[in-house]
Each structure stands twice: as structure tokens, then as C-alpha cells.
């Protein structure tokens, strides 16, 4: 797994429309694993693929241990 760079609010990619995920392949699963690692290490509660520079409609939410 890899820690992905989180883009900041001035990055233009955040204003673009993300693409729907039609098929979940190895590349998509790898992205999700990397996003999990990034979310965990960043201490956030949620992370969208667009926030790591990928225009796909994927997001993760950390609902805690309870």
C-alpha cells in the first residue's frame, strides 16, 4: 500500500466531474487499498478519489471502531 498525496483546495481537479466506476478491476482495488492507507495515516474521517487526483466516483468513510 502507498500513501497518496492529498490535493489542496486550489487544485483545479477538485472542480472536475468524476467518472462512474463501471468495473472494479485490479487497478481500482489497488487504488482503494492506497486510499485506505492514506486515510488512516492522515487522520481524516473521509477521503474521495478526486482528493488524491483520481477522477473516479470512489469515497471512503472511517466510521470508527464502535
C-alpha atoms as a PDB file:
ATOM      1  CA  UNK A   1       0.000   0.000   0.000  1.00  0.00           C
ATOM      2  CA  UNK A   2       1.092   3.555  -0.601  1.00  0.00           C
ATOM      3  CA  UNK A   3       0.448   6.924   0.972  1.00  0.00           C
ATOM      4  CA  UNK A   4      -1.093   9.137  -1.711  1.00  0.00           C
ATOM      5  CA  UNK A   5      -0.676  12.912  -1.900  1.00  0.00           C
ATOM      6  CA  UNK A   6      -3.863  14.761  -0.992  1.00  0.00           C
ATOM      7  CA  UNK A   7      -4.541  17.702  -3.298  1.00  0.00           C
ATOM      8  CA  UNK A   8      -5.363  21.106  -1.843  1.00  0.00           C
ATOM      9  CA  UNK A   9      -8.381  23.293  -2.499  1.00  0.00           C
ATOM     10  CA  UNK A  10      -6.651  25.388  -5.151  1.00  0.00           C
ATOM     11  CA  UNK A  11      -6.119  22.323  -7.362  1.00  0.00           C
ATOM     12  CA  UNK A  12      -8.376  22.503 -10.430  1.00  0.00           C
ATOM     13  CA  UNK A  13      -9.075  18.751 -10.422  1.00  0.00           C
ATOM     14  CA  UNK A  14     -11.417  19.236  -7.458  1.00  0.00           C
ATOM     15  CA  UNK A  15     -13.760  21.198  -9.737  1.00  0.00           C
ATOM     16  CA  UNK A  16     -13.989  18.469 -12.379  1.00  0.00           C
ATOM     17  CA  UNK A  17     -16.664  15.795 -12.610  1.00  0.00           C
ATOM     18  CA  UNK A  18     -15.518  12.326 -11.586  1.00  0.00           C
ATOM     19  CA  UNK A  19     -16.286   9.275 -13.718  1.00  0.00           C
ATOM     20  CA  UNK A  20     -18.597   6.500 -12.582  1.00  0.00           C
ATOM     21  CA  UNK A  21     -16.881   3.222 -11.734  1.00  0.00           C
ATOM     22  CA  UNK A  22     -18.303   0.634 -14.135  1.00  0.00           C
ATOM     23  CA  UNK A  23     -15.989  -2.298 -13.438  1.00  0.00           C
ATOM     24  CA  UNK A  24     -13.862  -2.981 -10.378  1.00  0.00           C
ATOM     25  CA  UNK A  25     -10.532  -4.306 -11.615  1.00  0.00           C
ATOM     26  CA  UNK A  26      -7.113  -4.819 -10.007  1.00  0.00           C
ATOM     27  CA  UNK A  27      -6.164  -1.200 -10.619  1.00  0.00           C
ATOM     28  CA  UNK A  28      -9.307   0.035  -8.843  1.00  0.00           C
ATOM     29  CA  UNK A  29      -8.746  -2.343  -5.927  1.00  0.00           C
ATOM     30  CA  UNK A  30      -5.139  -1.113  -5.621  1.00  0.00           C
ATOM     31  CA  UNK A  31      -6.405   2.492  -5.582  1.00  0.00           C
ATOM     32  CA  UNK A  32      -8.888   1.643  -2.813  1.00  0.00           C
ATOM     33  CA  UNK A  33      -6.125  -0.029  -0.752  1.00  0.00           C
ATOM     34  CA  UNK A  34      -3.883   3.012  -1.215  1.00  0.00           C
ATOM     35  CA  UNK A  35      -6.763   5.302  -0.254  1.00  0.00           C
ATOM     36  CA  UNK A  36      -7.380   3.247   2.926  1.00  0.00           C
ATOM     37  CA  UNK A  37      -3.722   3.637   3.872  1.00  0.00           C
ATOM     38  CA  UNK A  38      -3.806   7.361   3.105  1.00  0.00           C
ATOM     39  CA  UNK A  39      -6.998   7.906   5.119  1.00  0.00           C
ATOM     40  CA  UNK A  40      -5.587   6.013   8.083  1.00  0.00           C
ATOM     41  CA  UNK A  41      -2.253   7.856   8.078  1.00  0.00           C
ATOM     42  CA  UNK A  42      -3.810  11.292   7.521  1.00  0.00           C
ATOM     43  CA  UNK A  43      -6.154  11.014  10.498  1.00  0.00           C
ATOM     44  CA  UNK A  44      -9.170  12.079   8.458  1.00  0.00           C
ATOM     45  CA  UNK A  45     -12.705  10.709   8.564  1.00  0.00           C
ATOM     46  CA  UNK A  46     -13.319  10.541   4.825  1.00  0.00           C
ATOM     47  CA  UNK A  47     -11.479  10.577   1.529  1.00  0.00           C
ATOM     48  CA  UNK A  48     -12.643  10.789  -2.082  1.00  0.00           C
ATOM     49  CA  UNK A  49     -10.604   9.576  -5.037  1.00  0.00           C
ATOM     50  CA  UNK A  50     -10.631  13.071  -6.514  1.00  0.00           C
ATOM     51  CA  UNK A  51      -8.813  14.281  -3.390  1.00  0.00           C
ATOM     52  CA  UNK A  52      -5.867  12.105  -4.395  1.00  0.00           C
ATOM     53  CA  UNK A  53      -6.018  13.242  -8.012  1.00  0.00           C
ATOM     54  CA  UNK A  54      -8.138  10.425  -9.475  1.00  0.00           C
ATOM     55  CA  UNK A  55     -11.373  11.308 -11.279  1.00  0.00           C
ATOM     56  CA  UNK A  56     -13.375   8.257 -10.163  1.00  0.00           C
ATOM     57  CA  UNK A  57     -16.502   8.183  -8.006  1.00  0.00           C
ATOM     58  CA  UNK A  58     -14.955   6.387  -5.054  1.00  0.00           C
ATOM     59  CA  UNK A  59     -15.010   7.542  -1.450  1.00  0.00           C
ATOM     60  CA  UNK A  60     -14.126   6.052   1.908  1.00  0.00           C
ATOM     61  CA  UNK A  61     -15.540   6.872   5.331  1.00  0.00           C
ATOM     62  CA  UNK A  62     -13.897   5.928   8.631  1.00  0.00           C
ATOM     63  CA  UNK A  63     -16.778   5.160  10.971  1.00  0.00           C
ATOM     64  CA  UNK A  64     -14.508   4.373  13.908  1.00  0.00           C
ATOM     65  CA  UNK A  65     -14.314   1.199  15.918  1.00  0.00           C
ATOM     66  CA  UNK A  66     -17.727   1.431  17.572  1.00  0.00           C
END
